[in-house]
Amino acid sequence: MALPSSSQDRIRSTPLTRIAELAGTGARVGLNYLKYYGQRAVSPDTAATGLRQDLDTVNAKAVYDTFSRLKGGPLKLAQMLSMDENLLPSAYAKQFAQAQYSAPPLSWPLVRRTLEKEFGQSVETLFDSFTPEAAHGASIGQVHLATRAGQKLAVKVQYPGVADSMRSDLRVVKPVALQILGLREEDIAHYFEEVETRLLEETDYHLELSRSQELAAACASLAHVRFPTYYPERCSRRVLTMDWIDGLTLDRFADGPASQAERDQIGQALWDFYAHQIHTLHLFHADPHPGNFLVSNGELWVLDFGCTRAITPEFHAKQFAFLNPELLEDDVKFEAALRSMEVLLPSDGPVEQRKVMDLARESIELLSRPFRTGRFDFSEPSFMRAMYEMGDANRQDQTLLSLRGARGRAESVYLNRAYFGLFSLLHRLRAVVDTVRS
């Protein structure tokens, strides 16, 4: 069978070859920025703005092309960064958004080799049929449709070399990411360690299998939330086999002709799913992009538990204490709460302290709106617009950017990501949900 024109018939799978390709891309990006700074020095302001936009476009394509070829940690990082439209310059956000949905798939010979290496059996012995073309390609692995005993199965096959190269990939990617984001390494070191830990977990499909089964059982009572059945005998550290679910990805459902009642039902299921995990289980699905959810016959199917995060009761209590409006009105208690969450640092002077406290109040007031009303209409454009505008203002605030030190506990990275993703999905659904339910 002829390979699709967009498929890859090879992937750099050793740390050394991956480092070489990433380092080469980083060097090209760095050289382009040096050229820009030289041209900017002799150009008027309007021309310099145009030069920077052109530079970002060229660099963003070069970076994304490399990340999509290598897959794994680099492509997953692009996916994470693209979820917040205000985190990246627009050229990078546009390029990296592709990582949320699909990546060029690997060719059938590479997939067959992986399956037979993992199980020591031929593909024909493992499955009655196996579709060579990938149904979906993502950052860590790609999904194929197979059958066995009349049952349609989704088989997720991890890309070769991804697990072994994750740490070295991220070490080389870090300077490129810092350059794009305009951040200092010392200010985000503990966040980057958190991201590395979670990404390493995503390469362990044994862990994903156990987390999938654990969370599916713990959430089984939730209305309109469903989970595929997994087949452990055809799972390994690099392969996951589960039921194939026919349905629409959440973004396609949201952009389609669904009625308001249908949107509200799926939106409520999504809200209840996250509320139960975070507030009851203290273990949650931390990768809320639309490709990880399907809608079928009015039910929300959760497909991927590769990225999960556990939080302690102590962290949960401190984090959600900020929903109490009385805390925001008491400067002494508010300051103490921010220090306990490491948002305010011992090194902050009076000016820095006031800046951080004012920004924290503004952020909490905005982000807590859905929790305060009891019933929230996520179709209201002003809510998400205010979030984007606040993020954009913060990204350009030179006083804020000059603040030094790593702020906030590492646990907050994925909790914030979960809520930002949840709010974005509910906004796209235009759903009205009950945010306080017994």
Protein backbone atom coordinates (compact mmCIF):
# COMPACT_ATOMS: atom_id res chain seq x y z
CA MET A 1 0.00 0.00 0.00
CA ALA A 2 1.37 3.43 -0.94
CA LEU A 3 2.22 5.66 1.95
CA PRO A 4 0.27 8.88 2.39
CA SER A 5 2.29 11.78 1.03
CA SER A 6 2.38 13.41 4.46
CA SER A 7 3.64 10.37 6.36
CA GLN A 8 7.14 10.03 7.78
CA ASP A 9 9.12 6.90 6.93
CA ARG A 10 11.80 7.66 9.51
CA ILE A 11 12.13 9.48 12.82
CA ARG A 12 15.27 10.48 14.65
CA SER A 13 15.08 8.12 17.60
CA THR A 14 18.42 8.43 19.43
CA PRO A 15 19.11 11.28 21.87
CA LEU A 16 22.25 12.32 19.98
CA THR A 17 20.57 12.71 16.57
CA ARG A 18 17.59 14.49 18.11
CA ILE A 19 19.87 16.89 20.01
CA ALA A 20 21.71 17.65 16.77
CA GLU A 21 18.51 18.56 14.94
CA LEU A 22 17.12 20.64 17.81
CA ALA A 23 20.45 22.41 18.33
CA GLY A 24 20.64 23.20 14.62
CA THR A 25 17.19 24.77 14.69
CA GLY A 26 18.04 26.71 17.86
CA ALA A 27 21.19 28.06 16.24
CA ARG A 28 19.26 29.21 13.16
CA VAL A 29 16.66 30.92 15.33
CA GLY A 30 19.36 32.62 17.41
CA LEU A 31 21.18 33.82 14.28
CA ASN A 32 17.94 35.24 12.89
CA TYR A 33 17.36 37.19 16.10
CA LEU A 34 20.91 38.58 16.00
CA LYS A 35 20.29 39.78 12.44
CA TYR A 36 17.05 41.40 13.59
CA TYR A 37 18.74 43.28 16.44
CA GLY A 38 21.34 44.59 14.00
CA GLN A 39 18.70 45.73 11.50
CA ARG A 40 16.54 47.26 14.23
CA ALA A 41 19.38 49.49 15.37
CA VAL A 42 19.41 51.30 12.03
CA SER A 43 15.67 51.15 11.23
CA PRO A 44 12.82 53.48 12.23
CA ASP A 45 10.33 52.11 14.77
CA THR A 46 7.66 51.26 12.18
CA ALA A 47 10.12 49.31 10.07
CA ALA A 48 11.48 47.53 13.14
CA THR A 49 7.97 46.31 14.01
CA GLY A 50 7.58 44.86 10.54
CA LEU A 51 11.01 43.25 10.73
CA ARG A 52 10.09 41.57 14.04
CA GLN A 53 6.83 40.21 12.63
CA ASP A 54 8.64 38.81 9.58
CA LEU A 55 11.31 37.30 11.85
CA ASP A 56 8.72 35.63 14.10
CA THR A 57 6.96 34.14 11.07
CA VAL A 58 10.17 32.62 9.67
CA ASN A 59 11.37 31.37 13.04
CA ALA A 60 7.97 29.98 14.07
CA LYS A 61 7.76 27.86 10.92
CA ALA A 62 11.32 26.59 11.37
CA VAL A 63 10.71 25.67 15.00
CA TYR A 64 7.36 23.99 14.38
CA ASP A 65 8.62 22.03 11.37
CA THR A 66 11.44 20.61 13.50
CA PHE A 67 9.17 19.88 16.48
CA SER A 68 6.61 18.10 14.27
CA ARG A 69 9.27 15.90 12.70
CA LEU A 70 10.77 14.92 16.05
CA LYS A 71 7.43 14.67 17.87
CA GLY A 72 7.61 13.73 21.56
CA GLY A 73 8.60 16.42 24.07
CA PRO A 74 9.16 19.25 21.57
CA LEU A 75 5.77 18.78 19.90
CA LYS A 76 4.00 18.30 23.23
CA LEU A 77 5.53 21.54 24.50
CA ALA A 78 4.24 23.34 21.39
CA GLN A 79 0.78 21.92 22.08
CA MET A 80 0.83 23.14 25.68
CA LEU A 81 2.03 26.63 24.78
CA SER A 82 -0.57 27.01 22.03
CA MET A 83 -3.50 26.58 24.45
CA ASP A 84 -3.06 30.13 25.79
CA GLU A 85 -3.34 32.58 22.91
CA ASN A 86 -1.62 35.33 24.91
CA LEU A 87 1.42 33.33 25.94
CA LEU A 88 3.07 33.36 22.52
CA PRO A 89 3.70 35.94 19.80
CA SER A 90 0.95 35.56 17.21
CA ALA A 91 3.16 33.90 14.58
CA TYR A 92 4.17 31.17 17.02
CA ALA A 93 0.62 30.73 18.33
CA LYS A 94 -0.63 30.21 14.76
CA GLN A 95 2.03 27.62 13.94
CA PHE A 96 1.92 25.79 17.27
CA ALA A 97 -1.89 25.50 17.21
CA GLN A 98 -1.44 22.72 14.64
CA ALA A 99 0.01 20.56 17.44
CA GLN A 100 -3.39 20.45 19.19
CA TYR A 101 -4.92 18.30 16.50
CA SER A 102 -2.54 16.30 14.38
CA ALA A 103 1.05 15.67 13.39
CA PRO A 104 2.47 14.01 10.27
CA PRO A 105 1.96 10.28 10.93
CA LEU A 106 4.66 7.66 10.89
CA SER A 107 4.68 5.15 8.08
CA TRP A 108 3.27 1.64 8.43
CA PRO A 109 6.65 -0.19 8.50
CA LEU A 110 7.70 1.82 11.58
CA VAL A 111 4.37 1.16 13.29
CA ARG A 112 4.53 -2.58 12.53
CA ARG A 113 8.09 -2.76 13.87
CA THR A 114 7.05 -1.12 17.14
CA LEU A 115 4.06 -3.42 17.66
CA GLU A 116 5.99 -6.60 16.96
CA LYS A 117 8.90 -5.51 19.16
CA GLU A 118 6.55 -4.78 22.06
CA PHE A 119 4.60 -8.06 21.94
CA GLY A 120 6.93 -10.49 20.22
CA GLN A 121 4.11 -11.45 17.85
CA SER A 122 3.03 -10.47 14.36
CA VAL A 123 0.38 -7.81 13.92
CA GLU A 124 -1.80 -10.43 12.23
CA THR A 125 -1.65 -12.59 15.37
CA LEU A 126 -2.46 -9.68 17.68
CA PHE A 127 -5.41 -8.35 15.70
CA ASP A 128 -7.87 -9.66 13.11
CA SER A 129 -7.39 -6.48 11.10
CA PHE A 130 -5.22 -3.41 11.49
CA THR A 131 -5.52 -0.24 9.38
CA PRO A 132 -2.01 0.80 8.27
CA GLU A 133 -2.87 4.49 7.96
CA ALA A 134 -3.08 6.38 11.25
CA ALA A 135 -6.52 7.69 12.14
CA HIS A 136 -4.92 10.37 14.29
CA GLY A 137 -1.36 11.50 14.87
CA ALA A 138 -0.39 13.49 17.97
CA SER A 139 2.74 14.43 19.90
CA ILE A 140 3.61 11.22 21.78
CA GLY A 141 1.94 8.57 19.61
CA GLN A 142 -0.57 7.90 16.87
CA VAL A 143 -3.85 5.97 16.82
CA HIS A 144 -4.85 3.19 14.42
CA LEU A 145 -8.17 1.41 13.94
CA ALA A 146 -8.02 -2.36 14.46
CA THR A 147 -10.48 -5.20 15.11
CA ARG A 148 -10.49 -8.37 17.17
CA ALA A 149 -13.38 -10.80 17.70
CA GLY A 150 -15.73 -8.37 15.98
CA GLN A 151 -14.80 -5.48 18.30
CA LYS A 152 -13.50 -2.18 16.86
CA LEU A 153 -10.37 -1.09 18.71
CA ALA A 154 -8.26 2.05 18.93
CA VAL A 155 -4.57 1.18 19.18
CA LYS A 156 -2.25 3.99 20.28
CA VAL A 157 1.36 3.36 19.27
CA GLN A 158 4.14 5.48 20.74
CA TYR A 159 6.69 7.03 18.43
CA PRO A 160 10.13 5.36 18.52
CA GLY A 161 12.72 7.10 20.69
CA VAL A 162 10.30 9.52 22.34
CA ALA A 163 10.64 8.12 25.86
CA ASP A 164 14.41 7.66 25.77
CA SER A 165 15.01 11.18 24.43
CA MET A 166 12.51 13.18 26.50
CA ARG A 167 14.95 14.67 29.02
CA SER A 168 17.61 15.53 26.45
CA ASP A 169 14.98 16.97 24.09
CA LEU A 170 13.66 19.30 26.77
CA ARG A 171 17.13 20.48 27.79
CA VAL A 172 17.80 21.58 24.23
CA VAL A 173 14.31 23.00 23.67
CA LYS A 174 14.38 25.09 26.85
CA PRO A 175 16.60 27.94 25.51
CA VAL A 176 14.45 28.19 22.37
CA ALA A 177 11.27 28.35 24.48
CA LEU A 178 12.77 30.98 26.78
CA GLN A 179 13.75 33.09 23.77
CA ILE A 180 10.25 32.87 22.31
CA LEU A 181 8.54 33.66 25.62
CA GLY A 182 11.00 36.32 26.73
CA LEU A 183 11.54 34.65 30.13
CA ARG A 184 14.54 34.06 32.39
CA GLU A 185 15.51 30.49 33.18
CA GLU A 186 15.93 31.09 36.90
CA ASP A 187 12.35 32.40 37.15
CA ILE A 188 10.72 29.30 35.70
CA ALA A 189 13.12 26.48 36.65
CA HIS A 190 10.69 24.72 39.01
CA TYR A 191 7.86 25.03 36.46
CA PHE A 192 10.04 23.44 33.81
CA GLU A 193 10.85 20.57 36.19
CA GLU A 194 7.12 20.07 36.70
CA VAL A 195 6.50 19.97 32.94
CA GLU A 196 9.38 17.52 32.46
CA THR A 197 7.99 15.20 35.15
CA ARG A 198 4.53 15.15 33.59
CA LEU A 199 5.88 14.64 30.06
CA LEU A 200 8.01 11.71 31.21
CA GLU A 201 4.87 10.19 32.74
CA GLU A 202 3.07 10.58 29.42
CA THR A 203 5.58 8.25 27.77
CA ASP A 204 4.73 5.45 30.23
CA TYR A 205 1.63 3.75 28.85
CA HIS A 206 1.54 1.33 31.80
CA LEU A 207 0.95 4.36 34.02
CA GLU A 208 -1.63 5.78 31.61
CA LEU A 209 -3.49 2.46 31.62
CA SER A 210 -3.69 2.35 35.42
CA ARG A 211 -4.69 6.03 35.69
CA SER A 212 -7.32 5.57 32.97
CA GLN A 213 -8.90 2.64 34.76
CA GLU A 214 -8.66 4.33 38.17
CA LEU A 215 -10.27 7.60 37.07
CA ALA A 216 -12.89 5.88 34.91
CA ALA A 217 -14.01 3.81 37.91
CA ALA A 218 -13.97 6.83 40.24
CA CYS A 219 -16.03 8.93 37.79
CA ALA A 220 -18.46 6.18 36.69
CA SER A 221 -21.40 7.75 38.52
CA LEU A 222 -21.18 11.09 36.70
CA ALA A 223 -24.09 11.77 34.36
CA HIS A 224 -23.29 11.73 30.63
CA VAL A 225 -19.56 11.04 31.14
CA ARG A 226 -18.27 7.85 29.54
CA PHE A 227 -14.93 6.05 29.15
CA PRO A 228 -13.69 3.40 26.72
CA THR A 229 -12.81 -0.08 27.97
CA TYR A 230 -9.10 -0.89 27.91
CA TYR A 231 -7.58 -4.27 27.04
CA PRO A 232 -4.49 -4.81 29.23
CA GLU A 233 -3.42 -7.98 27.40
CA ARG A 234 -2.81 -5.80 24.33
CA CYS A 235 -1.22 -2.92 26.18
CA SER A 236 2.45 -2.39 26.92
CA ARG A 237 4.80 0.40 27.90
CA ARG A 238 4.58 1.73 24.33
CA VAL A 239 1.12 0.52 23.14
CA LEU A 240 -2.41 1.13 24.45
CA THR A 241 -5.47 -0.72 23.16
CA MET A 242 -9.02 0.40 23.97
CA ASP A 243 -12.50 0.51 22.45
CA TRP A 244 -12.88 2.56 19.31
CA ILE A 245 -15.51 5.24 19.90
CA ASP A 246 -17.37 6.78 16.97
CA GLY A 247 -18.25 10.40 17.55
CA LEU A 248 -17.30 14.03 17.03
CA THR A 249 -14.29 15.64 18.66
CA LEU A 250 -15.41 18.32 21.08
CA ASP A 251 -14.41 21.19 18.80
CA ARG A 252 -16.32 19.74 15.82
CA PHE A 253 -19.38 19.21 18.01
CA ALA A 254 -19.10 22.75 19.36
CA ASP A 255 -18.81 24.24 15.86
CA GLY A 256 -21.72 22.17 14.55
CA PRO A 257 -25.53 22.56 14.64
CA ALA A 258 -26.13 21.21 18.16
CA SER A 259 -29.05 22.72 20.06
CA GLN A 260 -28.53 24.78 23.20
CA ALA A 261 -29.87 21.91 25.33
CA GLU A 262 -27.31 19.54 23.78
CA ARG A 263 -24.50 22.04 24.32
CA ASP A 264 -25.52 22.56 27.93
CA GLN A 265 -25.65 18.82 28.58
CA ILE A 266 -22.13 18.24 27.28
CA GLY A 267 -20.85 21.39 28.98
CA GLN A 268 -22.34 20.30 32.30
CA ALA A 269 -20.79 16.85 31.94
CA LEU A 270 -17.40 18.44 31.30
CA TRP A 271 -17.73 20.79 34.28
CA ASP A 272 -18.87 17.99 36.62
CA PHE A 273 -16.03 15.75 35.41
CA TYR A 274 -13.39 18.31 36.39
CA ALA A 275 -15.12 19.37 39.60
CA HIS A 276 -15.33 15.76 40.82
CA GLN A 277 -11.70 15.05 39.99
CA ILE A 278 -10.25 18.22 41.49
CA HIS A 279 -12.42 18.64 44.58
CA THR A 280 -13.13 15.01 45.49
CA LEU A 281 -10.44 12.82 43.97
CA HIS A 282 -7.55 15.34 44.04
CA LEU A 283 -6.38 13.64 40.83
CA PHE A 284 -7.35 15.11 37.49
CA HIS A 285 -7.07 14.88 33.71
CA ALA A 286 -4.62 17.70 32.96
CA ASP A 287 -4.73 17.85 29.15
CA PRO A 288 -8.08 19.49 28.26
CA HIS A 289 -7.70 20.05 24.55
CA PRO A 290 -10.66 19.18 22.31
CA GLY A 291 -9.04 16.15 20.67
CA ASN A 292 -9.10 14.31 23.99
CA PHE A 293 -12.91 14.31 24.13
CA LEU A 294 -15.57 12.88 21.83
CA VAL A 295 -19.32 13.50 21.79
CA SER A 296 -21.54 10.57 20.83
CA ASN A 297 -25.31 10.29 21.34
CA GLY A 298 -25.35 13.06 23.93
CA GLU A 299 -22.52 11.53 25.96
CA LEU A 300 -19.06 12.97 26.64
CA TRP A 301 -16.33 10.38 26.10
CA VAL A 302 -12.94 10.96 27.74
CA LEU A 303 -10.25 9.32 25.64
CA ASP A 304 -6.80 10.15 26.93
CA PHE A 305 -5.38 10.10 30.46
CA GLY A 306 -1.73 10.40 29.47
CA CYS A 307 -1.37 13.65 31.40
CA THR A 308 -2.79 13.57 34.93
CA ARG A 309 -1.87 15.49 38.08
CA ALA A 310 -2.40 14.64 41.73
CA ILE A 311 -2.66 17.45 44.29
CA THR A 312 -2.49 17.28 48.06
CA PRO A 313 -5.42 18.25 50.28
CA GLU A 314 -3.19 20.97 51.75
CA PHE A 315 -2.52 22.53 48.33
CA HIS A 316 -6.20 22.22 47.38
CA ALA A 317 -7.32 24.02 50.54
CA LYS A 318 -4.89 26.89 50.03
CA GLN A 319 -5.60 27.23 46.30
CA PHE A 320 -9.38 27.36 46.60
CA ALA A 321 -9.32 29.60 49.67
CA PHE A 322 -8.95 32.43 47.16
CA LEU A 323 -12.57 31.89 46.12
CA ASN A 324 -13.61 33.40 49.46
CA PRO A 325 -14.27 37.13 48.75
CA GLU A 326 -13.54 38.01 52.39
CA LEU A 327 -9.93 36.93 51.87
CA LEU A 328 -9.48 39.41 49.02
CA GLU A 329 -10.82 42.25 51.14
CA ASP A 330 -8.38 41.72 54.01
CA ASP A 331 -4.87 42.88 53.02
CA VAL A 332 -3.14 41.08 55.87
CA LYS A 333 -4.83 37.73 55.24
CA PHE A 334 -4.50 38.11 51.48
CA GLU A 335 -0.78 38.80 51.75
CA ALA A 336 -0.32 35.76 54.01
CA ALA A 337 -2.22 33.56 51.58
CA LEU A 338 -0.09 34.72 48.66
CA ARG A 339 3.08 34.04 50.63
CA SER A 340 1.89 30.55 51.56
CA MET A 341 1.44 29.85 47.84
CA GLU A 342 4.89 31.35 47.05
CA VAL A 343 3.38 34.06 44.85
CA LEU A 344 4.87 36.74 47.12
CA LEU A 345 8.55 36.19 47.87
CA PRO A 346 10.65 37.21 50.90
CA SER A 347 12.82 39.30 48.57
CA ASP A 348 9.92 41.49 47.41
CA GLY A 349 10.08 45.12 48.43
CA PRO A 350 7.01 47.33 49.01
CA VAL A 351 6.68 48.25 45.30
CA GLU A 352 6.95 44.64 44.13
CA GLN A 353 4.56 43.46 46.83
CA ARG A 354 1.89 45.98 45.85
CA LYS A 355 2.27 45.14 42.16
CA VAL A 356 1.89 41.40 42.77
CA MET A 357 -1.05 41.82 45.16
CA ASP A 358 -2.92 44.12 42.76
CA LEU A 359 -2.36 41.75 39.87
CA ALA A 360 -3.39 38.73 41.96
CA ARG A 361 -6.63 40.45 43.03
CA GLU A 362 -7.47 41.33 39.42
CA SER A 363 -6.75 37.77 38.24
CA ILE A 364 -8.70 36.08 41.03
CA GLU A 365 -11.69 38.38 40.61
CA LEU A 366 -11.89 37.51 36.92
CA LEU A 367 -11.14 33.78 37.10
CA SER A 368 -13.50 33.16 40.01
CA ARG A 369 -16.58 34.60 38.29
CA PRO A 370 -17.96 31.20 37.19
CA PHE A 371 -17.74 29.91 40.78
CA ARG A 372 -19.55 32.89 42.34
CA THR A 373 -22.74 32.88 40.29
CA GLY A 374 -23.94 29.30 40.76
CA ARG A 375 -24.93 29.23 37.07
CA PHE A 376 -22.63 30.65 34.42
CA ASP A 377 -23.11 31.39 30.74
CA PHE A 378 -19.80 30.64 29.04
CA SER A 379 -21.13 31.94 25.72
CA GLU A 380 -20.84 35.49 27.08
CA PRO A 381 -17.89 36.86 25.04
CA SER A 382 -16.80 39.42 27.61
CA PHE A 383 -15.49 36.76 30.01
CA MET A 384 -12.98 35.12 27.67
CA ARG A 385 -12.17 38.47 26.07
CA ALA A 386 -11.27 39.84 29.49
CA MET A 387 -9.03 36.82 30.12
CA TYR A 388 -7.22 37.32 26.82
CA GLU A 389 -6.87 41.06 27.35
CA MET A 390 -5.49 40.57 30.85
CA GLY A 391 -3.00 38.00 29.58
CA ASP A 392 -1.92 40.27 26.74
CA ALA A 393 -1.48 43.22 29.10
CA ASN A 394 0.58 41.13 31.51
CA ARG A 395 2.79 39.86 28.69
CA GLN A 396 3.62 43.46 27.72
CA ASP A 397 3.91 44.89 31.25
CA GLN A 398 7.59 45.71 31.62
CA THR A 399 7.29 46.23 35.38
CA LEU A 400 5.79 42.79 35.74
CA LEU A 401 8.40 41.23 33.47
CA SER A 402 11.15 42.79 35.57
CA LEU A 403 10.01 40.99 38.73
CA ARG A 404 12.55 38.35 39.59
CA GLY A 405 12.13 34.98 41.23
CA ALA A 406 10.07 31.85 40.63
CA ARG A 407 6.52 32.68 41.70
CA GLY A 408 3.80 30.20 42.56
CA ARG A 409 4.01 26.56 43.53
CA ALA A 410 4.80 24.07 40.79
CA GLU A 411 1.51 22.20 41.40
CA SER A 412 -0.36 25.23 40.08
CA VAL A 413 0.98 24.82 36.52
CA TYR A 414 -1.30 21.95 35.54
CA LEU A 415 -4.23 23.04 37.70
CA ASN A 416 -4.22 26.42 35.97
CA ARG A 417 -3.85 24.67 32.63
CA ALA A 418 -6.85 22.46 33.41
CA TYR A 419 -9.09 25.42 34.28
CA PHE A 420 -7.95 27.57 31.37
CA GLY A 421 -8.61 24.65 29.02
CA LEU A 422 -11.97 23.94 30.66
CA PHE A 423 -13.10 27.56 30.37
CA SER A 424 -11.97 27.68 26.72
CA LEU A 425 -13.85 24.48 25.84
CA LEU A 426 -17.02 25.65 27.58
CA HIS A 427 -16.79 28.99 25.78
CA ARG A 428 -16.46 27.21 22.45
CA LEU A 429 -19.47 25.07 23.36
CA ARG A 430 -21.40 28.22 24.30
CA ALA A 431 -22.66 26.24 27.26
CA VAL A 432 -24.58 27.37 30.32
CA VAL A 433 -23.64 25.25 33.35
CA ASP A 434 -24.44 24.93 37.02
CA THR A 435 -21.12 25.60 38.71
CA VAL A 436 -22.23 24.69 42.23
CA ARG A 437 -23.74 21.21 42.45
CA SER A 438 -24.10 18.82 45.36
